[in-house]
Each structure stands twice: as C-alpha cells, then as structure tokens.
Amino acid sequence: MTKALVEIAKTVIQSETDSILKLKDRADQNFIDASTLLQDCQGKVVLIGTRKSGQTARKIVARLASTGTPAFFVHPGLATS
C-alpha cells in the first residue's frame, strides 16, 4: 500500500513538473502586457468564470487581495444584472 502511494505521488509530481516547464515557453509579450496592466491598474481587478475557470478566478482573487491588489470575483450569470 505504501509503495503504491509513493508511486502515485511521484506520478503526480512529475505531471505537475511537466506542466510548469511548459509554462516557461509561454512566457512572452502577452505575459508582460498582462503584468503591466495589473501593475498599473488604478481601480479594482474583476475576474469572471464558471466551473473550473471560476474556481481558478476565485483563487487568483484571493492571491491578489492578499498582496494588496483590490480584486473580486463575479459569476458571469450575474454580471449582466
């Protein structure tokens, strides 16, 4: 049982490592532009999303708020109300 859990852990860690390494190749001018927009933002940052992207947006909002950037999440179904 313990050996199987260690193998599962190693598989997950390798998968996460591969994903992070893929991000390296995606860091381009779009990353710089997005970073600059966030840095220069004078108001609040609004993130939207549903399902998995909504969960990710909520996590980003929490991270931004913890670093002093005013941010909040809006469900897209409520954004038009």
PDB file of N, CA and C in Angstrom:
ATOM      1  N   MET A   1       0.823  -1.199   0.000  1.00  0.00           N
ATOM      2  CA  MET A   1       0.000   0.000   0.000  1.00  0.00           C
ATOM      3  C   MET A   1       0.867   1.262   0.000  1.00  0.00           C
ATOM      4  N   THR A   2       1.845   1.315   0.887  1.00  0.00           N
ATOM      5  CA  THR A   2       2.704   2.487   0.979  1.00  0.00           C
ATOM      6  C   THR A   2       3.482   2.712  -0.314  1.00  0.00           C
ATOM      7  N   LYS A   3       3.979   1.611  -0.898  1.00  0.00           N
ATOM      8  CA  LYS A   3       4.736   1.724  -2.141  1.00  0.00           C
ATOM      9  C   LYS A   3       3.853   2.270  -3.266  1.00  0.00           C
ATOM     10  N   ALA A   4       2.619   1.845  -3.319  1.00  0.00           N
ATOM     11  CA  ALA A   4       1.689   2.323  -4.345  1.00  0.00           C
ATOM     12  C   ALA A   4       1.431   3.815  -4.176  1.00  0.00           C
ATOM     13  N   LEU A   5       1.283   4.276  -2.947  1.00  0.00           N
ATOM     14  CA  LEU A   5       1.066   5.709  -2.702  1.00  0.00           C
ATOM     15  C   LEU A   5       2.276   6.533  -3.108  1.00  0.00           C
ATOM     16  N   VAL A   6       3.460   6.005  -2.854  1.00  0.00           N
ATOM     17  CA  VAL A   6       4.683   6.710  -3.253  1.00  0.00           C
ATOM     18  C   VAL A   6       4.741   6.826  -4.776  1.00  0.00           C
ATOM     19  N   GLU A   7       4.361   5.782  -5.476  1.00  0.00           N
ATOM     20  CA  GLU A   7       4.367   5.820  -6.943  1.00  0.00           C
ATOM     21  C   GLU A   7       3.340   6.814  -7.469  1.00  0.00           C
ATOM     22  N   ILE A   8       2.182   6.842  -6.845  1.00  0.00           N
ATOM     23  CA  ILE A   8       1.160   7.821  -7.237  1.00  0.00           C
ATOM     24  C   ILE A   8       1.685   9.232  -7.006  1.00  0.00           C
ATOM     25  N   ALA A   9       2.299   9.459  -5.863  1.00  0.00           N
ATOM     26  CA  ALA A   9       2.860  10.777  -5.555  1.00  0.00           C
ATOM     27  C   ALA A   9       3.903  11.173  -6.593  1.00  0.00           C
ATOM     28  N   LYS A  10       4.772  10.250  -6.951  1.00  0.00           N
ATOM     29  CA  LYS A  10       5.805  10.540  -7.941  1.00  0.00           C
ATOM     30  C   LYS A  10       5.198  10.871  -9.299  1.00  0.00           C
ATOM     31  N   THR A  11       4.142  10.156  -9.670  1.00  0.00           N
ATOM     32  CA  THR A  11       3.465  10.417 -10.937  1.00  0.00           C
ATOM     33  C   THR A  11       2.843  11.808 -10.945  1.00  0.00           C
ATOM     34  N   VAL A  12       2.185  12.168  -9.858  1.00  0.00           N
ATOM     35  CA  VAL A  12       1.563  13.494  -9.756  1.00  0.00           C
ATOM     36  C   VAL A  12       2.630  14.580  -9.797  1.00  0.00           C
ATOM     37  N   ILE A  13       3.698  14.409  -9.055  1.00  0.00           N
ATOM     38  CA  ILE A  13       4.778  15.402  -9.034  1.00  0.00           C
ATOM     39  C   ILE A  13       5.385  15.561 -10.427  1.00  0.00           C
ATOM     40  N   GLN A  14       5.595  14.460 -11.133  1.00  0.00           N
ATOM     41  CA  GLN A  14       6.143  14.545 -12.488  1.00  0.00           C
ATOM     42  C   GLN A  14       5.193  15.280 -13.412  1.00  0.00           C
ATOM     43  N   SER A  15       3.901  14.995 -13.299  1.00  0.00           N
ATOM     44  CA  SER A  15       2.898  15.667 -14.126  1.00  0.00           C
ATOM     45  C   SER A  15       2.891  17.171 -13.869  1.00  0.00           C
ATOM     46  N   GLU A  16       2.950  17.560 -12.600  1.00  0.00           N
ATOM     47  CA  GLU A  16       2.971  18.983 -12.254  1.00  0.00           C
ATOM     48  C   GLU A  16       4.259  19.644 -12.750  1.00  0.00           C
ATOM     49  N   THR A  17       5.374  18.936 -12.631  1.00  0.00           N
ATOM     50  CA  THR A  17       6.647  19.452 -13.118  1.00  0.00           C
ATOM     51  C   THR A  17       6.601  19.692 -14.620  1.00  0.00           C
ATOM     52  N   ASP A  18       6.061  18.737 -15.359  1.00  0.00           N
ATOM     53  CA  ASP A  18       5.938  18.880 -16.809  1.00  0.00           C
ATOM     54  C   ASP A  18       5.078  20.084 -17.174  1.00  0.00           C
ATOM     55  N   SER A  19       3.992  20.284 -16.441  1.00  0.00           N
ATOM     56  CA  SER A  19       3.104  21.422 -16.706  1.00  0.00           C
ATOM     57  C   SER A  19       3.812  22.750 -16.463  1.00  0.00           C
ATOM     58  N   ILE A  20       4.557  22.832 -15.390  1.00  0.00           N
ATOM     59  CA  ILE A  20       5.285  24.069 -15.082  1.00  0.00           C
ATOM     60  C   ILE A  20       6.346  24.348 -16.144  1.00  0.00           C
ATOM     61  N   LEU A  21       7.040  23.317 -16.586  1.00  0.00           N
ATOM     62  CA  LEU A  21       8.056  23.512 -17.619  1.00  0.00           C
ATOM     63  C   LEU A  21       7.442  23.984 -18.939  1.00  0.00           C
ATOM     64  N   LYS A  22       6.220  23.561 -19.232  1.00  0.00           N
ATOM     65  CA  LYS A  22       5.543  24.031 -20.441  1.00  0.00           C
ATOM     66  C   LYS A  22       5.231  25.519 -20.348  1.00  0.00           C
ATOM     67  N   LEU A  23       4.972  26.003 -19.150  1.00  0.00           N
ATOM     68  CA  LEU A  23       4.682  27.426 -18.969  1.00  0.00           C
ATOM     69  C   LEU A  23       5.862  28.298 -19.370  1.00  0.00           C
ATOM     70  N   LYS A  24       7.064  27.790 -19.158  1.00  0.00           N
ATOM     71  CA  LYS A  24       8.278  28.533 -19.482  1.00  0.00           C
ATOM     72  C   LYS A  24       8.245  29.013 -20.930  1.00  0.00           C
ATOM     73  N   ASP A  25       7.788  28.166 -21.833  1.00  0.00           N
ATOM     74  CA  ASP A  25       7.756  28.505 -23.258  1.00  0.00           C
ATOM     75  C   ASP A  25       6.621  29.466 -23.609  1.00  0.00           C
ATOM     76  N   ARG A  26       5.679  29.645 -22.697  1.00  0.00           N
ATOM     77  CA  ARG A  26       4.535  30.522 -22.970  1.00  0.00           C
ATOM     78  C   ARG A  26       4.739  31.936 -22.432  1.00  0.00           C
ATOM     79  N   ALA A  27       5.822  32.161 -21.725  1.00  0.00           N
ATOM     80  CA  ALA A  27       6.109  33.500 -21.201  1.00  0.00           C
ATOM     81  C   ALA A  27       6.610  34.362 -22.359  1.00  0.00           C
ATOM     82  N   ASP A  28       5.737  35.246 -22.832  1.00  0.00           N
ATOM     83  CA  ASP A  28       6.080  36.096 -23.972  1.00  0.00           C
ATOM     84  C   ASP A  28       5.560  37.507 -23.723  1.00  0.00           C
ATOM     85  N   GLN A  29       5.390  38.278 -24.770  1.00  0.00           N
ATOM     86  CA  GLN A  29       4.939  39.660 -24.629  1.00  0.00           C
ATOM     87  C   GLN A  29       3.550  39.738 -24.005  1.00  0.00           C
ATOM     88  N   ASN A  30       2.698  38.754 -24.239  1.00  0.00           N
ATOM     89  CA  ASN A  30       1.373  38.752 -23.620  1.00  0.00           C
ATOM     90  C   ASN A  30       1.479  38.735 -22.096  1.00  0.00           C
ATOM     91  N   PHE A  31       2.431  37.984 -21.587  1.00  0.00           N
ATOM     92  CA  PHE A  31       2.667  37.944 -20.140  1.00  0.00           C
ATOM     93  C   PHE A  31       3.087  39.325 -19.636  1.00  0.00           C
ATOM     94  N   ILE A  32       3.997  39.960 -20.355  1.00  0.00           N
ATOM     95  CA  ILE A  32       4.455  41.305 -19.981  1.00  0.00           C
ATOM     96  C   ILE A  32       3.289  42.290 -20.023  1.00  0.00           C
ATOM     97  N   ASP A  33       2.480  42.225 -21.072  1.00  0.00           N
ATOM     98  CA  ASP A  33       1.344  43.141 -21.210  1.00  0.00           C
ATOM     99  C   ASP A  33       0.343  42.962 -20.069  1.00  0.00           C
ATOM    100  N   ALA A  34       0.025  41.716 -19.753  1.00  0.00           N
ATOM    101  CA  ALA A  34      -0.927  41.438 -18.665  1.00  0.00           C
ATOM    102  C   ALA A  34      -0.356  41.901 -17.321  1.00  0.00           C
ATOM    103  N   SER A  35       0.912  41.651 -17.100  1.00  0.00           N
ATOM    104  CA  SER A  35       1.554  42.077 -15.854  1.00  0.00           C
ATOM    105  C   SER A  35       1.545  43.594 -15.721  1.00  0.00           C
ATOM    106  N   THR A  36       1.816  44.275 -16.815  1.00  0.00           N
ATOM    107  CA  THR A  36       1.826  45.740 -16.807  1.00  0.00           C
ATOM    108  C   THR A  36       0.432  46.293 -16.535  1.00  0.00           C
ATOM    109  N   LEU A  37      -0.585  45.692 -17.154  1.00  0.00           N
ATOM    110  CA  LEU A  37      -1.963  46.132 -16.911  1.00  0.00           C
ATOM    111  C   LEU A  37      -2.332  45.992 -15.433  1.00  0.00           C
ATOM    112  N   LEU A  38      -1.984  44.870 -14.838  1.00  0.00           N
ATOM    113  CA  LEU A  38      -2.278  44.661 -13.421  1.00  0.00           C
ATOM    114  C   LEU A  38      -1.510  45.639 -12.541  1.00  0.00           C
ATOM    115  N   GLN A  39      -0.249  45.849 -12.868  1.00  0.00           N
ATOM    116  CA  GLN A  39       0.585  46.747 -12.067  1.00  0.00           C
ATOM    117  C   GLN A  39       0.079  48.184 -12.132  1.00  0.00           C
ATOM    118  N   ASP A  40      -0.383  48.609 -13.309  1.00  0.00           N
ATOM    119  CA  ASP A  40      -0.813  49.993 -13.498  1.00  0.00           C
ATOM    120  C   ASP A  40      -2.286  50.224 -13.189  1.00  0.00           C
ATOM    121  N   CYS A  41      -3.015  49.173 -12.833  1.00  0.00           N
ATOM    122  CA  CYS A  41      -4.450  49.288 -12.583  1.00  0.00           C
ATOM    123  C   CYS A  41      -4.716  50.246 -11.427  1.00  0.00           C
ATOM    124  N   GLN A  42      -5.565  51.231 -11.665  1.00  0.00           N
ATOM    125  CA  GLN A  42      -5.907  52.216 -10.644  1.00  0.00           C
ATOM    126  C   GLN A  42      -7.188  51.855  -9.882  1.00  0.00           C
ATOM    127  N   GLY A  43      -7.942  50.922 -10.406  1.00  0.00           N
ATOM    128  CA  GLY A  43      -9.198  50.528  -9.779  1.00  0.00           C
ATOM    129  C   GLY A  43      -9.114  49.129  -9.217  1.00  0.00           C
ATOM    130  N   LYS A  44     -10.212  48.399  -9.365  1.00  0.00           N
ATOM    131  CA  LYS A  44     -10.273  47.027  -8.878  1.00  0.00           C
ATOM    132  C   LYS A  44     -10.150  46.056 -10.049  1.00  0.00           C
ATOM    133  N   VAL A  45      -9.571  44.915  -9.770  1.00  0.00           N
ATOM    134  CA  VAL A  45      -9.448  43.867 -10.774  1.00  0.00           C
ATOM    135  C   VAL A  45     -10.665  42.956 -10.624  1.00  0.00           C
ATOM    136  N   VAL A  46     -11.365  42.728 -11.733  1.00  0.00           N
ATOM    137  CA  VAL A  46     -12.555  41.888 -11.726  1.00  0.00           C
ATOM    138  C   VAL A  46     -12.253  40.629 -12.528  1.00  0.00           C
ATOM    139  N   LEU A  47     -12.521  39.477 -11.932  1.00  0.00           N
ATOM    140  CA  LEU A  47     -12.333  38.214 -12.628  1.00  0.00           C
ATOM    141  C   LEU A  47     -13.671  37.503 -12.716  1.00  0.00           C
ATOM    142  N   ILE A  48     -13.893  36.826 -13.836  1.00  0.00           N
ATOM    143  CA  ILE A  48     -15.129  36.071 -14.032  1.00  0.00           C
ATOM    144  C   ILE A  48     -14.783  34.662 -14.502  1.00  0.00           C
ATOM    145  N   GLY A  49     -15.714  33.768 -14.359  1.00  0.00           N
ATOM    146  CA  GLY A  49     -15.524  32.410 -14.848  1.00  0.00           C
ATOM    147  C   GLY A  49     -16.587  31.491 -14.292  1.00  0.00           C
ATOM    148  N   THR A  50     -16.753  30.369 -14.964  1.00  0.00           N
ATOM    149  CA  THR A  50     -17.680  29.347 -14.494  1.00  0.00           C
ATOM    150  C   THR A  50     -16.921  28.038 -14.336  1.00  0.00           C
ATOM    151  N   ARG A  51     -17.415  27.213 -13.470  1.00  0.00           N
ATOM    152  CA  ARG A  51     -16.848  25.891 -13.212  1.00  0.00           C
ATOM    153  C   ARG A  51     -15.371  25.981 -12.867  1.00  0.00           C
ATOM    154  N   LYS A  52     -14.528  25.276 -13.612  1.00  0.00           N
ATOM    155  CA  LYS A  52     -13.096  25.231 -13.281  1.00  0.00           C
ATOM    156  C   LYS A  52     -12.447  26.616 -13.412  1.00  0.00           C
ATOM    157  N   SER A  53     -12.793  27.351 -14.460  1.00  0.00           N
ATOM    158  CA  SER A  53     -12.208  28.680 -14.620  1.00  0.00           C
ATOM    159  C   SER A  53     -12.692  29.615 -13.517  1.00  0.00           C
ATOM    160  N   GLY A  54     -13.907  29.390 -13.021  1.00  0.00           N
ATOM    161  CA  GLY A  54     -14.410  30.180 -11.898  1.00  0.00           C
ATOM    162  C   GLY A  54     -13.656  29.872 -10.625  1.00  0.00           C
ATOM    163  N   GLN A  55     -13.345  28.603 -10.411  1.00  0.00           N
ATOM    164  CA  GLN A  55     -12.557  28.224  -9.243  1.00  0.00           C
ATOM    165  C   GLN A  55     -11.168  28.852  -9.315  1.00  0.00           C
ATOM    166  N   THR A  56     -10.577  28.819 -10.498  1.00  0.00           N
ATOM    167  CA  THR A  56      -9.263  29.424 -10.690  1.00  0.00           C
ATOM    168  C   THR A  56      -9.338  30.930 -10.467  1.00  0.00           C
ATOM    169  N   ALA A  57     -10.377  31.564 -10.990  1.00  0.00           N
ATOM    170  CA  ALA A  57     -10.544  33.012 -10.816  1.00  0.00           C
ATOM    171  C   ALA A  57     -10.668  33.369  -9.338  1.00  0.00           C
ATOM    172  N   ARG A  58     -11.407  32.581  -8.581  1.00  0.00           N
ATOM    173  CA  ARG A  58     -11.549  32.842  -7.146  1.00  0.00           C
ATOM    174  C   ARG A  58     -10.201  32.741  -6.431  1.00  0.00           C
ATOM    175  N   LYS A  59      -9.387  31.771  -6.835  1.00  0.00           N
ATOM    176  CA  LYS A  59      -8.066  31.620  -6.228  1.00  0.00           C
ATOM    177  C   LYS A  59      -7.164  32.809  -6.579  1.00  0.00           C
ATOM    178  N   ILE A  60      -7.259  33.280  -7.814  1.00  0.00           N
ATOM    179  CA  ILE A  60      -6.464  34.446  -8.220  1.00  0.00           C
ATOM    180  C   ILE A  60      -6.913  35.678  -7.447  1.00  0.00           C
ATOM    181  N   VAL A  61      -8.222  35.843  -7.263  1.00  0.00           N
ATOM    182  CA  VAL A  61      -8.744  36.965  -6.475  1.00  0.00           C
ATOM    183  C   VAL A  61      -8.176  36.923  -5.057  1.00  0.00           C
ATOM    184  N   ALA A  62      -8.175  35.752  -4.462  1.00  0.00           N
ATOM    185  CA  ALA A  62      -7.636  35.623  -3.105  1.00  0.00           C
ATOM    186  C   ALA A  62      -6.158  35.994  -3.068  1.00  0.00           C
ATOM    187  N   ARG A  63      -5.406  35.547  -4.059  1.00  0.00           N
ATOM    188  CA  ARG A  63      -3.975  35.851  -4.108  1.00  0.00           C
ATOM    189  C   ARG A  63      -3.747  37.345  -4.312  1.00  0.00           C
ATOM    190  N   LEU A  64      -4.499  37.958  -5.220  1.00  0.00           N
ATOM    191  CA  LEU A  64      -4.347  39.395  -5.453  1.00  0.00           C
ATOM    192  C   LEU A  64      -4.691  40.182  -4.197  1.00  0.00           C
ATOM    193  N   ALA A  65      -5.788  39.808  -3.556  1.00  0.00           N
ATOM    194  CA  ALA A  65      -6.205  40.502  -2.333  1.00  0.00           C
ATOM    195  C   ALA A  65      -5.148  40.373  -1.237  1.00  0.00           C
ATOM    196  N   SER A  66      -4.516  39.203  -1.157  1.00  0.00           N
ATOM    197  CA  SER A  66      -3.511  39.001  -0.114  1.00  0.00           C
ATOM    198  C   SER A  66      -2.255  39.819  -0.358  1.00  0.00           C
ATOM    199  N   THR A  67      -2.065  40.283  -1.593  1.00  0.00           N
ATOM    200  CA  THR A  67      -0.895  41.107  -1.899  1.00  0.00           C
ATOM    201  C   THR A  67      -1.247  42.590  -2.003  1.00  0.00           C
ATOM    202  N   GLY A  68      -2.488  42.929  -1.647  1.00  0.00           N
ATOM    203  CA  GLY A  68      -2.884  44.334  -1.607  1.00  0.00           C
ATOM    204  C   GLY A  68      -3.538  44.871  -2.864  1.00  0.00           C
ATOM    205  N   THR A  69      -3.797  44.023  -3.833  1.00  0.00           N
ATOM    206  CA  THR A  69      -4.478  44.464  -5.050  1.00  0.00           C
ATOM    207  C   THR A  69      -5.970  44.235  -4.889  1.00  0.00           C
ATOM    208  N   PRO A  70      -6.771  45.296  -4.938  1.00  0.00           N
ATOM    209  CA  PRO A  70      -8.219  45.131  -4.801  1.00  0.00           C
ATOM    210  C   PRO A  70      -8.774  44.295  -5.963  1.00  0.00           C
ATOM    211  N   ALA A  71      -9.416  43.191  -5.638  1.00  0.00           N
ATOM    212  CA  ALA A  71      -9.930  42.307  -6.672  1.00  0.00           C
ATOM    213  C   ALA A  71     -11.176  41.601  -6.163  1.00  0.00           C
ATOM    214  N   PHE A  72     -12.057  41.252  -7.096  1.00  0.00           N
ATOM    215  CA  PHE A  72     -13.223  40.471  -6.713  1.00  0.00           C
ATOM    216  C   PHE A  72     -13.682  39.603  -7.869  1.00  0.00           C
ATOM    217  N   PHE A  73     -14.464  38.587  -7.522  1.00  0.00           N
ATOM    218  CA  PHE A  73     -14.985  37.626  -8.482  1.00  0.00           C
ATOM    219  C   PHE A  73     -16.454  37.910  -8.750  1.00  0.00           C
ATOM    220  N   VAL A  74     -16.851  37.811 -10.015  1.00  0.00           N
ATOM    221  CA  VAL A  74     -18.257  37.952 -10.400  1.00  0.00           C
ATOM    222  C   VAL A  74     -18.620  36.746 -11.266  1.00  0.00           C
ATOM    223  N   HIS A  75     -19.697  36.061 -10.892  1.00  0.00           N
ATOM    224  CA  HIS A  75     -20.184  34.958 -11.728  1.00  0.00           C
ATOM    225  C   HIS A  75     -20.753  35.564 -13.001  1.00  0.00           C
ATOM    226  N   PRO A  76     -20.424  35.017 -14.186  1.00  0.00           N
ATOM    227  CA  PRO A  76     -20.883  35.621 -15.426  1.00  0.00           C
ATOM    228  C   PRO A  76     -22.399  35.703 -15.553  1.00  0.00           C
ATOM    229  N   GLY A  77     -23.117  34.799 -14.899  1.00  0.00           N
ATOM    230  CA  GLY A  77     -24.574  34.867 -14.948  1.00  0.00           C
ATOM    231  C   GLY A  77     -25.129  36.065 -14.209  1.00  0.00           C
ATOM    232  N   LEU A  78     -24.359  36.598 -13.278  1.00  0.00           N
ATOM    233  CA  LEU A  78     -24.785  37.769 -12.511  1.00  0.00           C
ATOM    234  C   LEU A  78     -24.175  39.057 -13.049  1.00  0.00           C
ATOM    235  N   ALA A  79     -23.230  38.954 -13.957  1.00  0.00           N
ATOM    236  CA  ALA A  79     -22.504  40.122 -14.453  1.00  0.00           C
ATOM    237  C   ALA A  79     -23.378  41.045 -15.274  1.00  0.00           C
ATOM    238  N   THR A  80     -24.453  40.529 -15.853  1.00  0.00           N
ATOM    239  CA  THR A  80     -25.307  41.351 -16.704  1.00  0.00           C
ATOM    240  C   THR A  80     -26.480  41.941 -15.936  1.00  0.00           C
ATOM    241  N   SER A  81     -26.627  41.559 -14.684  1.00  0.00           N
ATOM    242  CA  SER A  81     -27.770  42.045 -13.897  1.00  0.00           C
ATOM    243  C   SER A  81     -27.581  43.477 -13.468  1.00  0.00           C
TER     244      SER A  81
END
